[in-house]
Amino acid sequence: MDMEIEGFTPLQRELADRIWALESPEALIEFFDLLPRNLLQDAYVVYKMIMETTLDDWDWSDCSEAHAVIERVRNLPC
């Protein structure tokens, strides 16, 4: 998926490219752990913007899998 978020500074665009290229949640955690303290806030804002944009673009019309999980949980014995 190609994503374009308007209004990023060149630094934020670089952070976004690096975050987007990460292949796993563990790689994301490692990326944040290795960032200098002065970049953490920018990186966090960029990450949140990526997540918000991704969720906005998501097709929420088929939630049947989520409904099936909810029903399984509801029917668990207490």
C-alpha atoms as a PDB file:
ATOM      1  CA  MET A   1       0.000   0.000   0.000  1.00  0.00           C
ATOM      2  CA  ASP A   2       1.328   3.413  -0.934  1.00  0.00           C
ATOM      3  CA  MET A   3       0.533   6.079   1.594  1.00  0.00           C
ATOM      4  CA  GLU A   4       0.864   9.827   1.432  1.00  0.00           C
ATOM      5  CA  ILE A   5       0.410  11.955   4.536  1.00  0.00           C
ATOM      6  CA  GLU A   6       0.362  15.687   3.919  1.00  0.00           C
ATOM      7  CA  GLY A   7       2.281  18.182   6.014  1.00  0.00           C
ATOM      8  CA  PHE A   8       5.263  16.123   7.159  1.00  0.00           C
ATOM      9  CA  THR A   9       8.604  17.837   7.505  1.00  0.00           C
ATOM     10  CA  PRO A  10      11.548  16.209   5.699  1.00  0.00           C
ATOM     11  CA  LEU A  11      12.599  14.615   9.020  1.00  0.00           C
ATOM     12  CA  GLN A  12       9.113  13.239   9.632  1.00  0.00           C
ATOM     13  CA  ARG A  13       8.968  11.925   6.062  1.00  0.00           C
ATOM     14  CA  GLU A  14      12.263  10.085   6.632  1.00  0.00           C
ATOM     15  CA  LEU A  15      10.959   8.624   9.896  1.00  0.00           C
ATOM     16  CA  ALA A  16       7.731   7.576   8.148  1.00  0.00           C
ATOM     17  CA  ASP A  17       9.674   5.797   5.397  1.00  0.00           C
ATOM     18  CA  ARG A  18      11.751   3.929   7.969  1.00  0.00           C
ATOM     19  CA  ILE A  19       8.733   2.994  10.117  1.00  0.00           C
ATOM     20  CA  TRP A  20       6.725   1.864   7.068  1.00  0.00           C
ATOM     21  CA  ALA A  21       9.595  -0.399   5.959  1.00  0.00           C
ATOM     22  CA  LEU A  22       9.705  -2.293   9.284  1.00  0.00           C
ATOM     23  CA  GLU A  23       8.531  -5.882   8.996  1.00  0.00           C
ATOM     24  CA  SER A  24       7.304  -6.737  12.495  1.00  0.00           C
ATOM     25  CA  PRO A  25       6.129  -5.272  15.787  1.00  0.00           C
ATOM     26  CA  GLU A  26       9.454  -6.361  17.300  1.00  0.00           C
ATOM     27  CA  ALA A  27      11.349  -4.384  14.643  1.00  0.00           C
ATOM     28  CA  LEU A  28       9.203  -1.334  15.451  1.00  0.00           C
ATOM     29  CA  ILE A  29      10.002  -1.629  19.156  1.00  0.00           C
ATOM     30  CA  GLU A  30      13.697  -2.010  18.389  1.00  0.00           C
ATOM     31  CA  PHE A  31      13.569   1.030  16.083  1.00  0.00           C
ATOM     32  CA  PHE A  32      12.040   3.171  18.837  1.00  0.00           C
ATOM     33  CA  ASP A  33      14.492   1.809  21.420  1.00  0.00           C
ATOM     34  CA  LEU A  34      17.458   2.814  19.257  1.00  0.00           C
ATOM     35  CA  LEU A  35      16.273   6.333  18.424  1.00  0.00           C
ATOM     36  CA  PRO A  36      17.967   9.267  20.120  1.00  0.00           C
ATOM     37  CA  ARG A  37      15.762  10.870  22.757  1.00  0.00           C
ATOM     38  CA  ASN A  38      15.366  14.074  20.706  1.00  0.00           C
ATOM     39  CA  LEU A  39      13.651  12.117  17.868  1.00  0.00           C
ATOM     40  CA  LEU A  40      11.245  10.051  19.944  1.00  0.00           C
ATOM     41  CA  GLN A  41       8.363  12.527  19.956  1.00  0.00           C
ATOM     42  CA  ASP A  42       8.555  13.088  16.190  1.00  0.00           C
ATOM     43  CA  ALA A  43       8.733   9.343  15.604  1.00  0.00           C
ATOM     44  CA  TYR A  44       5.754   8.700  17.872  1.00  0.00           C
ATOM     45  CA  VAL A  45       3.660  11.369  16.099  1.00  0.00           C
ATOM     46  CA  VAL A  46       4.604   9.890  12.722  1.00  0.00           C
ATOM     47  CA  TYR A  47       3.699   6.383  13.912  1.00  0.00           C
ATOM     48  CA  LYS A  48       0.312   7.588  15.186  1.00  0.00           C
ATOM     49  CA  MET A  49      -0.371   9.379  11.889  1.00  0.00           C
ATOM     50  CA  ILE A  50       0.486   6.205   9.949  1.00  0.00           C
ATOM     51  CA  MET A  51      -1.867   4.187  12.163  1.00  0.00           C
ATOM     52  CA  GLU A  52      -4.706   6.728  11.839  1.00  0.00           C
ATOM     53  CA  THR A  53      -4.323   6.893   8.058  1.00  0.00           C
ATOM     54  CA  THR A  54      -4.202   3.105   7.789  1.00  0.00           C
ATOM     55  CA  LEU A  55      -7.347   2.718   9.899  1.00  0.00           C
ATOM     56  CA  ASP A  56      -9.142   5.402   7.887  1.00  0.00           C
ATOM     57  CA  ASP A  57      -8.358   3.503   4.665  1.00  0.00           C
ATOM     58  CA  TRP A  58      -9.389   0.093   6.062  1.00  0.00           C
ATOM     59  CA  ASP A  59     -12.433  -1.642   4.591  1.00  0.00           C
ATOM     60  CA  TRP A  60     -14.641  -2.155   7.635  1.00  0.00           C
ATOM     61  CA  SER A  61     -17.593  -3.577   5.703  1.00  0.00           C
ATOM     62  CA  ASP A  62     -16.856  -7.246   6.509  1.00  0.00           C
ATOM     63  CA  CYS A  63     -16.568  -7.795  10.244  1.00  0.00           C
ATOM     64  CA  SER A  64     -17.759 -11.404  10.163  1.00  0.00           C
ATOM     65  CA  GLU A  65     -14.485 -12.746  11.553  1.00  0.00           C
ATOM     66  CA  ALA A  66     -14.641 -10.327  14.499  1.00  0.00           C
ATOM     67  CA  HIS A  67     -18.277 -11.244  15.136  1.00  0.00           C
ATOM     68  CA  ALA A  68     -17.371 -14.952  15.130  1.00  0.00           C
ATOM     69  CA  VAL A  69     -14.665 -14.366  17.758  1.00  0.00           C
ATOM     70  CA  ILE A  70     -17.065 -12.350  19.902  1.00  0.00           C
ATOM     71  CA  GLU A  71     -19.653 -15.125  19.725  1.00  0.00           C
ATOM     72  CA  ARG A  72     -17.063 -17.764  20.687  1.00  0.00           C
ATOM     73  CA  VAL A  73     -16.054 -15.673  23.708  1.00  0.00           C
ATOM     74  CA  ARG A  74     -19.684 -15.115  24.697  1.00  0.00           C
ATOM     75  CA  ASN A  75     -20.319 -18.856  24.611  1.00  0.00           C
ATOM     76  CA  LEU A  76     -17.352 -19.821  26.762  1.00  0.00           C
ATOM     77  CA  PRO A  77     -18.330 -21.544  29.996  1.00  0.00           C
ATOM     78  CA  CYS A  78     -17.863 -19.387  33.081  1.00  0.00           C
END
